[in-house]
Amino acid sequence: MGMKDKFQDQGEQYQQQGRERAQEGREKAGQRSSQQRERGRQDIDEVQDDMDDRLNQDYDR
């Protein structure tokens, strides 16, 4: 029975490691997602600023 317990403990250990790695992956994916959203907002802000500048230039003429 000692061998059975040894392998069962090892299986549980692998399961725990798998859960931890999966959680780390989710956290990294969440960080990447938020960074992409942030960059997207910056791009939108830049486009809006460019459009505002062009509009102002048209009215200044």
PDB file of N, CA and C in Angstrom:
ATOM      1  N   MET A   1       0.805  -1.197   0.000  1.00  0.00           N
ATOM      2  CA  MET A   1       0.000   0.000   0.000  1.00  0.00           C
ATOM      3  C   MET A   1       0.850   1.262   0.000  1.00  0.00           C
ATOM      4  N   GLY A   2       2.074   1.150   0.415  1.00  0.00           N
ATOM      5  CA  GLY A   2       2.936   2.314   0.459  1.00  0.00           C
ATOM      6  C   GLY A   2       3.159   2.919  -0.911  1.00  0.00           C
ATOM      7  N   MET A   3       3.314   2.073  -1.926  1.00  0.00           N
ATOM      8  CA  MET A   3       3.539   2.570  -3.295  1.00  0.00           C
ATOM      9  C   MET A   3       2.299   3.297  -3.819  1.00  0.00           C
ATOM     10  N   LYS A   4       1.134   2.762  -3.499  1.00  0.00           N
ATOM     11  CA  LYS A   4      -0.109   3.377  -3.949  1.00  0.00           C
ATOM     12  C   LYS A   4      -0.233   4.786  -3.364  1.00  0.00           C
ATOM     13  N   ASP A   5       0.043   4.930  -2.091  1.00  0.00           N
ATOM     14  CA  ASP A   5      -0.026   6.239  -1.441  1.00  0.00           C
ATOM     15  C   ASP A   5       0.979   7.200  -2.051  1.00  0.00           C
ATOM     16  N   LYS A   6       2.164   6.681  -2.341  1.00  0.00           N
ATOM     17  CA  LYS A   6       3.224   7.528  -2.922  1.00  0.00           C
ATOM     18  C   LYS A   6       2.770   8.098  -4.265  1.00  0.00           C
ATOM     19  N   PHE A   7       2.210   7.246  -5.103  1.00  0.00           N
ATOM     20  CA  PHE A   7       1.780   7.711  -6.418  1.00  0.00           C
ATOM     21  C   PHE A   7       0.557   8.615  -6.325  1.00  0.00           C
ATOM     22  N   GLN A   8      -0.313   8.355  -5.367  1.00  0.00           N
ATOM     23  CA  GLN A   8      -1.491   9.199  -5.182  1.00  0.00           C
ATOM     24  C   GLN A   8      -1.053  10.594  -4.734  1.00  0.00           C
ATOM     25  N   ASP A   9      -0.111  10.670  -3.813  1.00  0.00           N
ATOM     26  CA  ASP A   9       0.399  11.964  -3.355  1.00  0.00           C
ATOM     27  C   ASP A   9       1.046  12.718  -4.511  1.00  0.00           C
ATOM     28  N   GLN A  10       1.776  11.992  -5.338  1.00  0.00           N
ATOM     29  CA  GLN A  10       2.442  12.628  -6.473  1.00  0.00           C
ATOM     30  C   GLN A  10       1.404  13.175  -7.457  1.00  0.00           C
ATOM     31  N   GLY A  11       0.336  12.427  -7.683  1.00  0.00           N
ATOM     32  CA  GLY A  11      -0.738  12.876  -8.565  1.00  0.00           C
ATOM     33  C   GLY A  11      -1.400  14.135  -8.039  1.00  0.00           C
ATOM     34  N   GLU A  12      -1.634  14.178  -6.735  1.00  0.00           N
ATOM     35  CA  GLU A  12      -2.227  15.366  -6.129  1.00  0.00           C
ATOM     36  C   GLU A  12      -1.281  16.565  -6.253  1.00  0.00           C
ATOM     37  N   GLN A  13      -0.010  16.303  -6.114  1.00  0.00           N
ATOM     38  CA  GLN A  13       0.988  17.369  -6.246  1.00  0.00           C
ATOM     39  C   GLN A  13       0.968  17.937  -7.672  1.00  0.00           C
ATOM     40  N   TYR A  14       0.899  17.066  -8.661  1.00  0.00           N
ATOM     41  CA  TYR A  14       0.840  17.521 -10.060  1.00  0.00           C
ATOM     42  C   TYR A  14      -0.438  18.318 -10.326  1.00  0.00           C
ATOM     43  N   GLN A  15      -1.539  17.878  -9.735  1.00  0.00           N
ATOM     44  CA  GLN A  15      -2.792  18.612  -9.908  1.00  0.00           C
ATOM     45  C   GLN A  15      -2.682  20.014  -9.329  1.00  0.00           C
ATOM     46  N   GLN A  16      -2.087  20.120  -8.157  1.00  0.00           N
ATOM     47  CA  GLN A  16      -1.930  21.431  -7.517  1.00  0.00           C
ATOM     48  C   GLN A  16      -1.026  22.330  -8.354  1.00  0.00           C
ATOM     49  N   GLN A  17       0.057  21.775  -8.867  1.00  0.00           N
ATOM     50  CA  GLN A  17       0.956  22.567  -9.713  1.00  0.00           C
ATOM     51  C   GLN A  17       0.228  23.034 -10.969  1.00  0.00           C
ATOM     52  N   GLY A  18      -0.590  22.159 -11.533  1.00  0.00           N
ATOM     53  CA  GLY A  18      -1.361  22.521 -12.716  1.00  0.00           C
ATOM     54  C   GLY A  18      -2.334  23.650 -12.432  1.00  0.00           C
ATOM     55  N   ARG A  19      -2.990  23.596 -11.287  1.00  0.00           N
ATOM     56  CA  ARG A  19      -3.921  24.663 -10.902  1.00  0.00           C
ATOM     57  C   ARG A  19      -3.188  25.994 -10.733  1.00  0.00           C
ATOM     58  N   GLU A  20      -2.011  25.930 -10.092  1.00  0.00           N
ATOM     59  CA  GLU A  20      -1.233  27.155  -9.877  1.00  0.00           C
ATOM     60  C   GLU A  20      -0.784  27.757 -11.209  1.00  0.00           C
ATOM     61  N   ARG A  21      -0.328  26.914 -12.105  1.00  0.00           N
ATOM     62  CA  ARG A  21       0.117  27.408 -13.417  1.00  0.00           C
ATOM     63  C   ARG A  21      -1.046  27.976 -14.217  1.00  0.00           C
ATOM     64  N   ALA A  22      -2.202  27.329 -14.124  1.00  0.00           N
ATOM     65  CA  ALA A  22      -3.382  27.836 -14.826  1.00  0.00           C
ATOM     66  C   ALA A  22      -3.765  29.208 -14.294  1.00  0.00           C
ATOM     67  N   GLN A  23      -3.701  29.379 -12.973  1.00  0.00           N
ATOM     68  CA  GLN A  23      -4.034  30.670 -12.363  1.00  0.00           C
ATOM     69  C   GLN A  23      -3.042  31.738 -12.813  1.00  0.00           C
ATOM     70  N   GLU A  24      -1.756  31.385 -12.860  1.00  0.00           N
ATOM     71  CA  GLU A  24      -0.743  32.341 -13.323  1.00  0.00           C
ATOM     72  C   GLU A  24      -1.020  32.758 -14.769  1.00  0.00           C
ATOM     73  N   GLY A  25      -1.408  31.782 -15.597  1.00  0.00           N
ATOM     74  CA  GLY A  25      -1.732  32.081 -16.979  1.00  0.00           C
ATOM     75  C   GLY A  25      -2.914  33.024 -17.101  1.00  0.00           C
ATOM     76  N   ARG A  26      -3.931  32.817 -16.268  1.00  0.00           N
ATOM     77  CA  ARG A  26      -5.096  33.700 -16.292  1.00  0.00           C
ATOM     78  C   ARG A  26      -4.708  35.118 -15.885  1.00  0.00           C
ATOM     79  N   GLU A  27      -3.844  35.216 -14.869  1.00  0.00           N
ATOM     80  CA  GLU A  27      -3.421  36.540 -14.410  1.00  0.00           C
ATOM     81  C   GLU A  27      -2.619  37.262 -15.490  1.00  0.00           C
ATOM     82  N   LYS A  28      -1.728  36.540 -16.149  1.00  0.00           N
ATOM     83  CA  LYS A  28      -0.930  37.157 -17.223  1.00  0.00           C
ATOM     84  C   LYS A  28      -1.829  37.585 -18.378  1.00  0.00           C
ATOM     85  N   ALA A  29      -2.795  36.746 -18.713  1.00  0.00           N
ATOM     86  CA  ALA A  29      -3.714  37.081 -19.806  1.00  0.00           C
ATOM     87  C   ALA A  29      -4.516  38.324 -19.448  1.00  0.00           C
ATOM     88  N   GLY A  30      -4.927  38.438 -18.208  1.00  0.00           N
ATOM     89  CA  GLY A  30      -5.666  39.621 -17.764  1.00  0.00           C
ATOM     90  C   GLY A  30      -4.821  40.871 -17.843  1.00  0.00           C
ATOM     91  N   GLN A  31      -3.556  40.754 -17.497  1.00  0.00           N
ATOM     92  CA  GLN A  31      -2.657  41.905 -17.578  1.00  0.00           C
ATOM     93  C   GLN A  31      -2.450  42.322 -19.023  1.00  0.00           C
ATOM     94  N   ARG A  32      -2.266  41.351 -19.910  1.00  0.00           N
ATOM     95  CA  ARG A  32      -2.082  41.681 -21.331  1.00  0.00           C
ATOM     96  C   ARG A  32      -3.332  42.340 -21.884  1.00  0.00           C
ATOM     97  N   SER A  33      -4.479  41.830 -21.492  1.00  0.00           N
ATOM     98  CA  SER A  33      -5.741  42.382 -21.970  1.00  0.00           C
ATOM     99  C   SER A  33      -5.908  43.833 -21.536  1.00  0.00           C
ATOM    100  N   SER A  34      -5.595  44.114 -20.289  1.00  0.00           N
ATOM    101  CA  SER A  34      -5.742  45.487 -19.807  1.00  0.00           C
ATOM    102  C   SER A  34      -4.737  46.411 -20.479  1.00  0.00           C
ATOM    103  N   GLN A  35      -3.539  45.900 -20.776  1.00  0.00           N
ATOM    104  CA  GLN A  35      -2.542  46.716 -21.474  1.00  0.00           C
ATOM    105  C   GLN A  35      -3.007  47.018 -22.890  1.00  0.00           C
ATOM    106  N   GLN A  36      -3.609  46.044 -23.549  1.00  0.00           N
ATOM    107  CA  GLN A  36      -4.100  46.270 -24.904  1.00  0.00           C
ATOM    108  C   GLN A  36      -5.234  47.288 -24.901  1.00  0.00           C
ATOM    109  N   ARG A  37      -6.113  47.208 -23.916  1.00  0.00           N
ATOM    110  CA  ARG A  37      -7.198  48.185 -23.829  1.00  0.00           C
ATOM    111  C   ARG A  37      -6.640  49.582 -23.610  1.00  0.00           C
ATOM    112  N   GLU A  38      -5.619  49.657 -22.776  1.00  0.00           N
ATOM    113  CA  GLU A  38      -5.007  50.955 -22.487  1.00  0.00           C
ATOM    114  C   GLU A  38      -4.395  51.541 -23.750  1.00  0.00           C
ATOM    115  N   ARG A  39      -3.691  50.703 -24.520  1.00  0.00           N
ATOM    116  CA  ARG A  39      -3.097  51.182 -25.778  1.00  0.00           C
ATOM    117  C   ARG A  39      -4.179  51.587 -26.761  1.00  0.00           C
ATOM    118  N   GLY A  40      -5.273  50.852 -26.784  1.00  0.00           N
ATOM    119  CA  GLY A  40      -6.381  51.187 -27.668  1.00  0.00           C
ATOM    120  C   GLY A  40      -6.966  52.544 -27.326  1.00  0.00           C
ATOM    121  N   ARG A  41      -7.092  52.832 -26.058  1.00  0.00           N
ATOM    122  CA  ARG A  41      -7.606  54.137 -25.633  1.00  0.00           C
ATOM    123  C   ARG A  41      -6.652  55.250 -26.039  1.00  0.00           C
ATOM    124  N   GLN A  42      -5.362  55.002 -25.899  1.00  0.00           N
ATOM    125  CA  GLN A  42      -4.377  56.011 -26.290  1.00  0.00           C
ATOM    126  C   GLN A  42      -4.479  56.295 -27.784  1.00  0.00           C
ATOM    127  N   ASP A  43      -4.633  55.234 -28.575  1.00  0.00           N
ATOM    128  CA  ASP A  43      -4.775  55.415 -30.023  1.00  0.00           C
ATOM    129  C   ASP A  43      -6.015  56.232 -30.346  1.00  0.00           C
ATOM    130  N   ILE A  44      -7.108  55.932 -29.687  1.00  0.00           N
ATOM    131  CA  ILE A  44      -8.350  56.670 -29.923  1.00  0.00           C
ATOM    132  C   ILE A  44      -8.165  58.129 -29.542  1.00  0.00           C
ATOM    133  N   ASP A  45      -7.509  58.378 -28.410  1.00  0.00           N
ATOM    134  CA  ASP A  45      -7.266  59.756 -27.975  1.00  0.00           C
ATOM    135  C   ASP A  45      -6.406  60.507 -28.993  1.00  0.00           C
ATOM    136  N   GLU A  46      -5.395  59.831 -29.537  1.00  0.00           N
ATOM    137  CA  GLU A  46      -4.530  60.468 -30.525  1.00  0.00           C
ATOM    138  C   GLU A  46      -5.307  60.807 -31.794  1.00  0.00           C
ATOM    139  N   VAL A  47      -6.145  59.904 -32.242  1.00  0.00           N
ATOM    140  CA  VAL A  47      -6.952  60.144 -33.439  1.00  0.00           C
ATOM    141  C   VAL A  47      -7.908  61.307 -33.182  1.00  0.00           C
ATOM    142  N   GLN A  48      -8.516  61.323 -32.019  1.00  0.00           N
ATOM    143  CA  GLN A  48      -9.447  62.409 -31.674  1.00  0.00           C
ATOM    144  C   GLN A  48      -8.713  63.749 -31.649  1.00  0.00           C
ATOM    145  N   ASP A  49      -7.514  63.766 -31.068  1.00  0.00           N
ATOM    146  CA  ASP A  49      -6.721  64.997 -31.040  1.00  0.00           C
ATOM    147  C   ASP A  49      -6.384  65.460 -32.456  1.00  0.00           C
ATOM    148  N   ASP A  50      -6.000  64.526 -33.328  1.00  0.00           N
ATOM    149  CA  ASP A  50      -5.694  64.878 -34.716  1.00  0.00           C
ATOM    150  C   ASP A  50      -6.925  65.460 -35.416  1.00  0.00           C
ATOM    151  N   MET A  51      -8.066  64.841 -35.186  1.00  0.00           N
ATOM    152  CA  MET A  51      -9.288  65.334 -35.821  1.00  0.00           C
ATOM    153  C   MET A  51      -9.633  66.730 -35.302  1.00  0.00           C
ATOM    154  N   ASP A  52      -9.463  66.946 -34.005  1.00  0.00           N
ATOM    155  CA  ASP A  52      -9.727  68.269 -33.430  1.00  0.00           C
ATOM    156  C   ASP A  52      -8.783  69.316 -34.013  1.00  0.00           C
ATOM    157  N   ASP A  53      -7.522  68.957 -34.161  1.00  0.00           N
ATOM    158  CA  ASP A  53      -6.544  69.884 -34.743  1.00  0.00           C
ATOM    159  C   ASP A  53      -6.914  70.247 -36.178  1.00  0.00           C
ATOM    160  N   ARG A  54      -7.305  69.252 -36.960  1.00  0.00           N
ATOM    161  CA  ARG A  54      -7.685  69.516 -38.353  1.00  0.00           C
ATOM    162  C   ARG A  54      -8.920  70.405 -38.419  1.00  0.00           C
ATOM    163  N   LEU A  55      -9.871  70.130 -37.546  1.00  0.00           N
ATOM    164  CA  LEU A  55     -11.082  70.944 -37.514  1.00  0.00           C
ATOM    165  C   LEU A  55     -10.743  72.396 -37.170  1.00  0.00           C
ATOM    166  N   ASN A  56      -9.889  72.574 -36.185  1.00  0.00           N
ATOM    167  CA  ASN A  56      -9.484  73.922 -35.782  1.00  0.00           C
ATOM    168  C   ASN A  56      -8.722  74.631 -36.897  1.00  0.00           C
ATOM    169  N   GLN A  57      -7.895  73.886 -37.607  1.00  0.00           N
ATOM    170  CA  GLN A  57      -7.151  74.487 -38.712  1.00  0.00           C
ATOM    171  C   GLN A  57      -8.102  74.918 -39.831  1.00  0.00           C
ATOM    172  N   ASP A  58      -9.120  74.120 -40.104  1.00  0.00           N
ATOM    173  CA  ASP A  58     -10.082  74.478 -41.145  1.00  0.00           C
ATOM    174  C   ASP A  58     -10.835  75.754 -40.782  1.00  0.00           C
ATOM    175  N   TYR A  59     -11.193  75.913 -39.532  1.00  0.00           N
ATOM    176  CA  TYR A  59     -11.909  77.097 -39.110  1.00  0.00           C
ATOM    177  C   TYR A  59     -11.008  78.325 -38.999  1.00  0.00           C
ATOM    178  N   ASP A  60      -9.724  78.106 -38.772  1.00  0.00           N
ATOM    179  CA  ASP A  60      -8.782  79.224 -38.672  1.00  0.00           C
ATOM    180  C   ASP A  60      -8.518  79.853 -40.032  1.00  0.00           C
ATOM    181  N   ARG A  61      -8.720  79.139 -41.089  1.00  0.00           N
ATOM    182  CA  ARG A  61      -8.408  79.638 -42.439  1.00  0.00           C
ATOM    183  C   ARG A  61      -9.399  80.639 -42.901  1.00  0.00           C
TER     184      ARG A  61
END
